[in-house]
Amino acid sequence: MNKPLPIDHALLDLYEQHKGEPERMSPADRDKLKEAWALLDELLMDLHMVRHGYAHAGYAKHLDRRIDAHCADEHVAERLRALWQ
């Protein structure tokens, strides 16, 4: 499995534009972004679980490190975190 593309503003723009539904994209874009989109979905679901108390503080710290590692820069990471505020 290839490493997913880093999460950047362009991916977040597409995610918001298509309301998180990859089926709304063209098949070519969907195939190209499949792994990055899945990672973004996973991180957003984990943020949801942390913010609603379904995960402990240690997992929240782990999630913060994962978000920082997969985002292109700190501005993208802040924007990703803000999607669930």
C-alpha atoms as a PDB file:
ATOM      1  CA  MET A   1       0.000   0.000   0.000  1.00  0.00           C
ATOM      2  CA  ASN A   2       1.336   3.424  -0.931  1.00  0.00           C
ATOM      3  CA  LYS A   3       1.592   6.194   1.613  1.00  0.00           C
ATOM      4  CA  PRO A   4      -1.425   8.509   1.200  1.00  0.00           C
ATOM      5  CA  LEU A   5      -0.858  11.971  -0.198  1.00  0.00           C
ATOM      6  CA  PRO A   6      -0.484  14.559   2.543  1.00  0.00           C
ATOM      7  CA  ILE A   7      -3.667  16.287   3.571  1.00  0.00           C
ATOM      8  CA  ASP A   8      -3.563  19.816   2.190  1.00  0.00           C
ATOM      9  CA  HIS A   9      -5.936  22.730   1.645  1.00  0.00           C
ATOM     10  CA  ALA A  10      -6.880  21.435  -1.812  1.00  0.00           C
ATOM     11  CA  LEU A  11      -8.028  18.096  -0.354  1.00  0.00           C
ATOM     12  CA  LEU A  12      -9.970  19.842   2.414  1.00  0.00           C
ATOM     13  CA  ASP A  13     -11.584  22.086  -0.220  1.00  0.00           C
ATOM     14  CA  LEU A  14     -12.701  19.014  -2.180  1.00  0.00           C
ATOM     15  CA  TYR A  15     -13.907  17.295   0.977  1.00  0.00           C
ATOM     16  CA  GLU A  16     -16.049  20.280   1.903  1.00  0.00           C
ATOM     17  CA  GLN A  17     -17.223  20.828  -1.682  1.00  0.00           C
ATOM     18  CA  HIS A  18     -18.391  17.215  -1.961  1.00  0.00           C
ATOM     19  CA  LYS A  19     -19.665  17.125   1.632  1.00  0.00           C
ATOM     20  CA  GLY A  20     -17.404  14.186   2.458  1.00  0.00           C
ATOM     21  CA  GLU A  21     -18.980  11.989  -0.204  1.00  0.00           C
ATOM     22  CA  PRO A  22     -16.395  10.722  -2.710  1.00  0.00           C
ATOM     23  CA  GLU A  23     -19.206   9.464  -4.947  1.00  0.00           C
ATOM     24  CA  ARG A  24     -19.800  13.091  -5.961  1.00  0.00           C
ATOM     25  CA  MET A  25     -16.338  13.285  -7.584  1.00  0.00           C
ATOM     26  CA  SER A  26     -15.367  12.044 -11.003  1.00  0.00           C
ATOM     27  CA  PRO A  27     -14.170   8.425 -11.034  1.00  0.00           C
ATOM     28  CA  ALA A  28     -10.641   9.520 -11.978  1.00  0.00           C
ATOM     29  CA  ASP A  29     -10.411  11.956  -9.034  1.00  0.00           C
ATOM     30  CA  ARG A  30     -11.983   9.412  -6.721  1.00  0.00           C
ATOM     31  CA  ASP A  31      -9.377   6.786  -7.635  1.00  0.00           C
ATOM     32  CA  LYS A  32      -6.496   9.258  -7.348  1.00  0.00           C
ATOM     33  CA  LEU A  33      -7.578  10.478  -3.900  1.00  0.00           C
ATOM     34  CA  LYS A  34      -8.928   7.203  -2.512  1.00  0.00           C
ATOM     35  CA  GLU A  35      -6.269   6.651   0.174  1.00  0.00           C
ATOM     36  CA  ALA A  36      -5.959  10.293   1.210  1.00  0.00           C
ATOM     37  CA  TRP A  37      -9.763  10.595   1.394  1.00  0.00           C
ATOM     38  CA  ALA A  38      -9.997   7.471   3.561  1.00  0.00           C
ATOM     39  CA  LEU A  39      -7.324   8.837   5.901  1.00  0.00           C
ATOM     40  CA  LEU A  40      -9.132  12.173   6.150  1.00  0.00           C
ATOM     41  CA  ASP A  41     -12.422  10.389   6.913  1.00  0.00           C
ATOM     42  CA  GLU A  42     -10.694   8.327   9.602  1.00  0.00           C
ATOM     43  CA  LEU A  43      -9.101  11.363  11.259  1.00  0.00           C
ATOM     44  CA  LEU A  44     -12.391  13.266  11.230  1.00  0.00           C
ATOM     45  CA  MET A  45     -14.249  10.315  12.761  1.00  0.00           C
ATOM     46  CA  ASP A  46     -11.584  10.046  15.464  1.00  0.00           C
ATOM     47  CA  LEU A  47     -11.891  13.786  16.163  1.00  0.00           C
ATOM     48  CA  HIS A  48     -15.637  13.315  16.521  1.00  0.00           C
ATOM     49  CA  MET A  49     -15.137  10.461  18.997  1.00  0.00           C
ATOM     50  CA  VAL A  50     -12.603  12.435  21.054  1.00  0.00           C
ATOM     51  CA  ARG A  51     -14.759  15.559  21.168  1.00  0.00           C
ATOM     52  CA  HIS A  52     -17.808  13.599  22.277  1.00  0.00           C
ATOM     53  CA  GLY A  53     -15.969  11.767  25.048  1.00  0.00           C
ATOM     54  CA  TYR A  54     -15.693   8.335  23.429  1.00  0.00           C
ATOM     55  CA  ALA A  55     -11.884   8.282  23.661  1.00  0.00           C
ATOM     56  CA  HIS A  56      -9.514   8.944  26.543  1.00  0.00           C
ATOM     57  CA  ALA A  57      -6.986  11.778  26.805  1.00  0.00           C
ATOM     58  CA  GLY A  58      -4.087   9.552  25.738  1.00  0.00           C
ATOM     59  CA  TYR A  59      -5.837   8.764  22.474  1.00  0.00           C
ATOM     60  CA  ALA A  60      -6.530  12.471  21.923  1.00  0.00           C
ATOM     61  CA  LYS A  61      -2.780  13.164  22.156  1.00  0.00           C
ATOM     62  CA  HIS A  62      -2.067  10.302  19.746  1.00  0.00           C
ATOM     63  CA  LEU A  63      -4.652  11.715  17.343  1.00  0.00           C
ATOM     64  CA  ASP A  64      -3.064  15.174  17.506  1.00  0.00           C
ATOM     65  CA  ARG A  65       0.294  13.651  16.551  1.00  0.00           C
ATOM     66  CA  ARG A  66      -1.304  11.748  13.651  1.00  0.00           C
ATOM     67  CA  ILE A  67      -3.023  14.870  12.353  1.00  0.00           C
ATOM     68  CA  ASP A  68       0.228  16.831  12.521  1.00  0.00           C
ATOM     69  CA  ALA A  69       2.103  14.019  10.752  1.00  0.00           C
ATOM     70  CA  HIS A  70      -0.369  13.712   7.866  1.00  0.00           C
ATOM     71  CA  CYS A  71      -1.133  17.385   7.228  1.00  0.00           C
ATOM     72  CA  ALA A  72       0.980  19.470   4.871  1.00  0.00           C
ATOM     73  CA  ASP A  73       1.456  22.198   7.495  1.00  0.00           C
ATOM     74  CA  GLU A  74       0.074  23.532  10.776  1.00  0.00           C
ATOM     75  CA  HIS A  75      -2.552  25.671   9.001  1.00  0.00           C
ATOM     76  CA  VAL A  76      -4.008  22.590   7.324  1.00  0.00           C
ATOM     77  CA  ALA A  77      -3.976  20.756  10.667  1.00  0.00           C
ATOM     78  CA  GLU A  78      -5.846  23.648  12.332  1.00  0.00           C
ATOM     79  CA  ARG A  79      -8.384  23.705   9.522  1.00  0.00           C
ATOM     80  CA  LEU A  80      -8.926  19.947   9.758  1.00  0.00           C
ATOM     81  CA  ARG A  81      -9.492  20.202  13.517  1.00  0.00           C
ATOM     82  CA  ALA A  82     -11.950  23.065  12.962  1.00  0.00           C
ATOM     83  CA  LEU A  83     -14.160  20.949  10.709  1.00  0.00           C
ATOM     84  CA  TRP A  84     -15.682  19.386  13.854  1.00  0.00           C
ATOM     85  CA  GLN A  85     -15.990  22.539  16.005  1.00  0.00           C
END
